[in-house]
Amino acid sequence: MEAVKVSPKFQISIPAKIMKSLNIKAGQKVLMIPIDGRIEMVPIKDAKSLRGIAKGIELNIEKEADRL
């Protein structure tokens, strides 16, 4: 946890330790979610970085009789 200062233009800098731990790159978008008086920032991953995440997943799932 680290404190940051909001600039007069309402900008903030993400501390280097947090950027490295979340692998946030310059120009990457971050989703800002207001929750109960606080802000949660969630890095948005580009579609290319998600390629292959389902590799090896089993697709032959047995269906229940009433779902055929």
C-alpha atoms as a PDB file:
ATOM      1  CA  MET A   1       0.000   0.000   0.000  1.00  0.00           C
ATOM      2  CA  GLU A   2       1.359   3.409  -0.952  1.00  0.00           C
ATOM      3  CA  ALA A   3      -0.060   6.934  -0.839  1.00  0.00           C
ATOM      4  CA  VAL A   4      -0.074   9.076  -3.974  1.00  0.00           C
ATOM      5  CA  LYS A   5      -0.826  12.753  -4.475  1.00  0.00           C
ATOM      6  CA  VAL A   6      -3.507  14.012  -6.873  1.00  0.00           C
ATOM      7  CA  SER A   7      -2.145  16.781  -9.111  1.00  0.00           C
ATOM      8  CA  PRO A   8      -4.027  20.043  -9.827  1.00  0.00           C
ATOM      9  CA  LYS A   9      -5.121  18.366 -13.095  1.00  0.00           C
ATOM     10  CA  PHE A  10      -6.522  15.423 -11.071  1.00  0.00           C
ATOM     11  CA  GLN A  11      -3.766  13.071 -12.268  1.00  0.00           C
ATOM     12  CA  ILE A  12      -1.955  10.459 -10.205  1.00  0.00           C
ATOM     13  CA  SER A  13       1.223   8.457 -10.687  1.00  0.00           C
ATOM     14  CA  ILE A  14       1.160   4.734 -10.017  1.00  0.00           C
ATOM     15  CA  PRO A  15       4.138   3.827  -7.815  1.00  0.00           C
ATOM     16  CA  ALA A  16       6.846   1.815  -9.633  1.00  0.00           C
ATOM     17  CA  LYS A  17       6.604  -1.112  -7.190  1.00  0.00           C
ATOM     18  CA  ILE A  18       2.882  -1.499  -7.937  1.00  0.00           C
ATOM     19  CA  MET A  19       3.353  -1.104 -11.708  1.00  0.00           C
ATOM     20  CA  LYS A  20       5.985  -3.841 -11.702  1.00  0.00           C
ATOM     21  CA  SER A  21       3.991  -6.216  -9.507  1.00  0.00           C
ATOM     22  CA  LEU A  22       0.896  -5.872 -11.744  1.00  0.00           C
ATOM     23  CA  ASN A  23       2.917  -5.691 -14.974  1.00  0.00           C
ATOM     24  CA  ILE A  24       1.305  -2.381 -15.993  1.00  0.00           C
ATOM     25  CA  LYS A  25       2.884  -0.832 -19.089  1.00  0.00           C
ATOM     26  CA  ALA A  26       2.888   2.786 -20.296  1.00  0.00           C
ATOM     27  CA  GLY A  27      -0.245   3.499 -22.327  1.00  0.00           C
ATOM     28  CA  GLN A  28      -2.161   0.558 -20.869  1.00  0.00           C
ATOM     29  CA  LYS A  29      -5.736   1.254 -19.819  1.00  0.00           C
ATOM     30  CA  VAL A  30      -6.846   0.795 -16.216  1.00  0.00           C
ATOM     31  CA  LEU A  31     -10.459   0.401 -15.132  1.00  0.00           C
ATOM     32  CA  MET A  32     -11.371   2.720 -12.234  1.00  0.00           C
ATOM     33  CA  ILE A  33     -14.184   1.344 -10.075  1.00  0.00           C
ATOM     34  CA  PRO A  34     -15.717   3.431  -7.253  1.00  0.00           C
ATOM     35  CA  ILE A  35     -16.730   1.127  -4.382  1.00  0.00           C
ATOM     36  CA  ASP A  36     -18.011   2.309  -0.993  1.00  0.00           C
ATOM     37  CA  GLY A  37     -16.016   5.558  -0.915  1.00  0.00           C
ATOM     38  CA  ARG A  38     -12.811   4.128  -2.388  1.00  0.00           C
ATOM     39  CA  ILE A  39     -11.409   3.579  -5.880  1.00  0.00           C
ATOM     40  CA  GLU A  40     -10.230   0.221  -7.168  1.00  0.00           C
ATOM     41  CA  MET A  41      -7.967   0.212 -10.221  1.00  0.00           C
ATOM     42  CA  VAL A  42      -7.968  -2.921 -12.376  1.00  0.00           C
ATOM     43  CA  PRO A  43      -5.516  -3.228 -15.283  1.00  0.00           C
ATOM     44  CA  ILE A  44      -7.252  -4.003 -18.569  1.00  0.00           C
ATOM     45  CA  LYS A  45      -5.406  -6.655 -20.554  1.00  0.00           C
ATOM     46  CA  ASP A  46      -5.335  -6.473 -24.333  1.00  0.00           C
ATOM     47  CA  ALA A  47      -6.803  -9.363 -26.324  1.00  0.00           C
ATOM     48  CA  LYS A  48      -3.375 -10.532 -27.522  1.00  0.00           C
ATOM     49  CA  SER A  49      -2.197 -11.169 -23.957  1.00  0.00           C
ATOM     50  CA  LEU A  50      -5.177 -13.507 -23.404  1.00  0.00           C
ATOM     51  CA  ARG A  51      -4.298 -15.745 -26.359  1.00  0.00           C
ATOM     52  CA  GLY A  52      -3.805 -19.354 -25.306  1.00  0.00           C
ATOM     53  CA  ILE A  53      -5.217 -19.078 -21.771  1.00  0.00           C
ATOM     54  CA  ALA A  54      -7.617 -21.978 -22.458  1.00  0.00           C
ATOM     55  CA  LYS A  55      -4.973 -24.213 -24.058  1.00  0.00           C
ATOM     56  CA  GLY A  56      -5.411 -27.804 -22.938  1.00  0.00           C
ATOM     57  CA  ILE A  57      -8.938 -27.334 -21.602  1.00  0.00           C
ATOM     58  CA  GLU A  58     -11.138 -30.409 -21.948  1.00  0.00           C
ATOM     59  CA  LEU A  59     -13.975 -29.752 -24.401  1.00  0.00           C
ATOM     60  CA  ASN A  60     -15.573 -33.202 -24.356  1.00  0.00           C
ATOM     61  CA  ILE A  61     -17.881 -32.692 -21.395  1.00  0.00           C
ATOM     62  CA  GLU A  62     -20.564 -35.263 -20.776  1.00  0.00           C
ATOM     63  CA  LYS A  63     -23.983 -33.622 -20.932  1.00  0.00           C
ATOM     64  CA  GLU A  64     -26.900 -34.491 -18.726  1.00  0.00           C
ATOM     65  CA  ALA A  65     -29.662 -36.468 -20.424  1.00  0.00           C
ATOM     66  CA  ASP A  66     -32.195 -33.610 -20.278  1.00  0.00           C
ATOM     67  CA  ARG A  67     -29.707 -31.215 -21.954  1.00  0.00           C
ATOM     68  CA  LEU A  68     -29.130 -33.201 -25.181  1.00  0.00           C
END
